């Protein structure tokens, strides 16, 4: 909630990302496989504004340590990449989509608890044949992204995917907010 002085001076506070709706993907995976003939590609990512400080670096080490300790229970790896647009990608790789979703959710919650909730922008999940499901933390909703060659989109396929998934998960209602995330680093 915005305070009196924030309103007076025209400042707005960036809302923290909402993570709980991520689990809707777990329940929709079977529908994605049967209704869309798609399978999870083993990759997902959290996209956040780049943070440069030692406490954030320590948090990244903690995430890596938790995933390493998870070993057989959560066989997921995490890699941190800064792109040329100034965003940090935490890329999760694993065979079991449930493990990847859990690792991604755990990491997002750790970021929120450490005070970086306003840095969470989106989560991105890769599927085969190639398309992505993007979760926006601020709006707590998903939307499909189907890139084609030359940085164009398959909008009709995006709308078909959204209509198919709408009964099973929160889909962003405003297609103008279905932002393209070109050239993900995975």
Protein backbone atom coordinates (compact mmCIF):
# COMPACT_ATOMS: atom_id res chain seq x y z
CA UNK A 1 0.00 0.00 0.00
CA UNK A 2 1.26 3.43 -0.88
CA UNK A 3 1.99 5.82 1.98
CA UNK A 4 0.91 9.44 2.28
CA UNK A 5 4.34 10.90 1.38
CA UNK A 6 4.69 8.51 -1.56
CA UNK A 7 1.36 9.77 -2.93
CA UNK A 8 2.28 13.39 -2.19
CA UNK A 9 5.62 13.19 -4.03
CA UNK A 10 4.42 10.92 -6.83
CA UNK A 11 6.47 7.87 -5.86
CA UNK A 12 5.09 4.42 -6.31
CA UNK A 13 6.25 1.25 -4.65
CA UNK A 14 6.80 -1.75 -6.89
CA UNK A 15 4.61 -4.61 -5.67
CA UNK A 16 6.23 -7.85 -4.59
CA UNK A 17 5.90 -10.84 -6.86
CA UNK A 18 3.18 -13.37 -6.12
CA UNK A 19 4.47 -16.94 -6.19
CA UNK A 20 1.59 -19.17 -5.09
CA UNK A 21 -0.12 -19.45 -8.48
CA UNK A 22 2.96 -21.20 -9.89
CA UNK A 23 1.61 -24.51 -8.62
CA UNK A 24 -1.31 -24.22 -11.05
CA UNK A 25 1.18 -25.37 -13.67
CA UNK A 26 1.64 -28.66 -11.80
CA UNK A 27 -2.04 -29.44 -12.11
CA UNK A 28 -2.16 -28.35 -15.77
CA UNK A 29 0.79 -30.45 -16.96
CA UNK A 30 -1.35 -33.45 -17.91
CA UNK A 31 -3.68 -31.18 -19.89
CA UNK A 32 -0.72 -29.59 -21.64
CA UNK A 33 0.48 -33.04 -22.63
CA UNK A 34 -2.88 -34.44 -23.75
CA UNK A 35 -4.69 -31.38 -25.13
CA UNK A 36 -1.70 -29.56 -26.63
CA UNK A 37 0.52 -32.56 -27.48
CA UNK A 38 3.40 -30.83 -25.73
CA UNK A 39 5.89 -32.03 -23.15
CA UNK A 40 7.98 -30.15 -20.64
CA UNK A 41 11.42 -29.51 -22.16
CA UNK A 42 13.32 -29.81 -18.86
CA UNK A 43 14.13 -26.08 -18.56
CA UNK A 44 12.60 -23.20 -16.68
CA UNK A 45 13.86 -19.85 -15.44
CA UNK A 46 13.20 -17.01 -13.07
CA UNK A 47 13.82 -13.62 -14.65
CA UNK A 48 14.60 -10.75 -12.29
CA UNK A 49 16.14 -7.33 -12.28
CA UNK A 50 19.85 -7.64 -11.73
CA UNK A 51 20.89 -7.08 -8.14
CA UNK A 52 24.50 -6.28 -7.32
CA UNK A 53 25.35 -6.75 -3.67
CA UNK A 54 26.99 -9.29 -1.44
CA UNK A 55 23.79 -10.39 0.34
CA UNK A 56 22.25 -11.31 -3.02
CA UNK A 57 25.38 -13.25 -3.98
CA UNK A 58 25.16 -15.15 -0.68
CA UNK A 59 21.52 -15.94 -1.43
CA UNK A 60 22.47 -17.38 -4.82
CA UNK A 61 25.01 -19.61 -3.09
CA UNK A 62 22.33 -20.73 -0.62
CA UNK A 63 19.99 -21.67 -3.48
CA UNK A 64 22.75 -23.67 -5.15
CA UNK A 65 23.58 -25.41 -1.88
CA UNK A 66 19.93 -26.34 -1.23
CA UNK A 67 19.59 -27.81 -4.72
CA UNK A 68 22.86 -29.71 -4.31
CA UNK A 69 21.76 -31.06 -0.92
CA UNK A 70 18.41 -32.04 -2.44
CA UNK A 71 20.35 -34.48 -4.60
CA UNK A 72 18.14 -37.46 -5.27
CA UNK A 73 15.03 -35.83 -3.80
CA UNK A 74 15.20 -32.83 -6.13
CA UNK A 75 17.61 -33.54 -9.01
CA UNK A 76 17.58 -30.00 -10.41
CA UNK A 77 20.50 -27.75 -11.28
CA UNK A 78 20.49 -23.96 -11.26
CA UNK A 79 22.63 -21.64 -13.35
CA UNK A 80 22.76 -17.84 -13.08
CA UNK A 81 23.14 -15.76 -16.25
CA UNK A 82 22.99 -12.00 -16.79
CA UNK A 83 21.68 -11.15 -20.26
CA UNK A 84 22.61 -8.18 -22.43
CA UNK A 85 19.37 -6.39 -21.44
CA UNK A 86 20.40 -6.16 -17.79
CA UNK A 87 18.27 -8.99 -16.41
CA UNK A 88 19.36 -11.95 -14.34
CA UNK A 89 18.14 -15.40 -15.32
CA UNK A 90 18.19 -18.27 -12.84
CA UNK A 91 17.86 -21.29 -15.10
CA UNK A 92 16.65 -24.58 -13.67
CA UNK A 93 17.26 -27.86 -15.46
CA UNK A 94 15.73 -31.20 -14.54
CA UNK A 95 13.86 -34.13 -16.06
CA UNK A 96 10.84 -34.07 -13.74
CA UNK A 97 8.69 -30.95 -14.24
CA UNK A 98 7.42 -31.19 -10.64
CA UNK A 99 10.99 -31.00 -9.32
CA UNK A 100 11.77 -28.00 -11.54
CA UNK A 101 8.57 -26.19 -10.49
CA UNK A 102 9.32 -26.88 -6.82
CA UNK A 103 12.93 -25.66 -7.14
CA UNK A 104 11.79 -22.54 -8.97
CA UNK A 105 9.08 -21.82 -6.38
CA UNK A 106 11.49 -22.42 -3.48
CA UNK A 107 13.98 -20.00 -5.02
CA UNK A 108 11.34 -17.33 -5.65
CA UNK A 109 10.17 -17.64 -2.04
CA UNK A 110 13.76 -17.34 -0.78
CA UNK A 111 14.19 -14.20 -2.90
CA UNK A 112 11.00 -12.71 -1.45
CA UNK A 113 11.99 -13.55 2.14
CA UNK A 114 15.40 -11.93 1.60
CA UNK A 115 13.74 -8.70 0.43
CA UNK A 116 14.09 -9.15 -3.34
CA UNK A 117 10.40 -9.79 -4.05
CA UNK A 118 10.09 -6.58 -6.04
CA UNK A 119 12.91 -7.78 -8.34
CA UNK A 120 10.92 -10.86 -9.48
CA UNK A 121 9.64 -10.21 -12.99
CA UNK A 122 8.64 -13.53 -14.57
CA UNK A 123 9.14 -17.26 -14.70
CA UNK A 124 9.48 -19.02 -18.04
CA UNK A 125 8.87 -22.71 -18.78
CA UNK A 126 9.99 -24.39 -22.02
CA UNK A 127 7.86 -26.97 -23.85
CA UNK A 128 8.31 -29.18 -26.92
CA UNK A 129 7.42 -28.67 -29.70
CA UNK A 130 8.96 -25.26 -28.98
CA UNK A 131 6.86 -22.74 -27.10
CA UNK A 132 7.01 -21.14 -23.66
CA UNK A 133 4.65 -20.57 -20.79
CA UNK A 134 5.41 -17.35 -18.95
CA UNK A 135 4.26 -16.50 -15.45
CA UNK A 136 4.17 -12.84 -14.45
CA UNK A 137 4.84 -12.45 -10.75
CA UNK A 138 3.11 -9.07 -10.44
CA UNK A 139 -0.16 -10.23 -12.04
CA UNK A 140 -0.02 -13.84 -10.79
CA UNK A 141 -1.03 -15.13 -14.21
CA UNK A 142 0.37 -17.20 -17.08
CA UNK A 143 0.44 -16.56 -20.81
CA UNK A 144 1.85 -18.49 -23.79
CA UNK A 145 4.68 -17.24 -25.95
CA UNK A 146 5.29 -18.95 -29.31
CA UNK A 147 8.27 -17.40 -31.09
CA UNK A 148 8.90 -17.87 -34.79
CA UNK A 149 11.90 -16.97 -36.89
CA UNK A 150 12.90 -13.33 -37.31
CA UNK A 151 11.46 -12.30 -33.92
CA UNK A 152 7.85 -12.81 -34.95
CA UNK A 153 5.17 -14.62 -32.97
CA UNK A 154 2.60 -17.26 -33.76
CA UNK A 155 -0.28 -15.28 -32.24
CA UNK A 156 -2.99 -17.68 -33.35
CA UNK A 157 -1.24 -20.59 -31.64
CA UNK A 158 -0.75 -18.44 -28.51
CA UNK A 159 -4.50 -17.76 -28.38
CA UNK A 160 -5.33 -21.46 -28.90
CA UNK A 161 -2.94 -22.44 -26.07
CA UNK A 162 -4.42 -19.77 -23.77
CA UNK A 163 -7.98 -20.91 -24.49
CA UNK A 164 -7.04 -24.53 -23.84
CA UNK A 165 -5.33 -23.75 -20.52
CA UNK A 166 -7.83 -21.16 -19.25
CA UNK A 167 -9.98 -23.70 -17.32
CA UNK A 168 -6.91 -25.12 -15.56
CA UNK A 169 -4.78 -22.14 -14.59
CA UNK A 170 -4.90 -18.34 -14.28
CA UNK A 171 -4.32 -16.91 -17.76
CA UNK A 172 -3.50 -13.22 -18.25
CA UNK A 173 -6.72 -11.75 -19.63
CA UNK A 174 -5.12 -8.84 -21.48
CA UNK A 175 -3.12 -10.06 -24.53
CA UNK A 176 -1.42 -6.64 -24.61
CA UNK A 177 0.42 -7.85 -21.48
CA UNK A 178 1.68 -11.00 -23.21
CA UNK A 179 5.21 -9.65 -23.53
CA UNK A 180 7.71 -11.41 -25.75
CA UNK A 181 10.84 -12.71 -24.08
CA UNK A 182 13.09 -13.10 -27.09
CA UNK A 183 16.17 -15.29 -27.10
CA UNK A 184 15.98 -16.84 -23.64
CA UNK A 185 19.41 -18.15 -22.59
CA UNK A 186 18.23 -21.77 -22.45
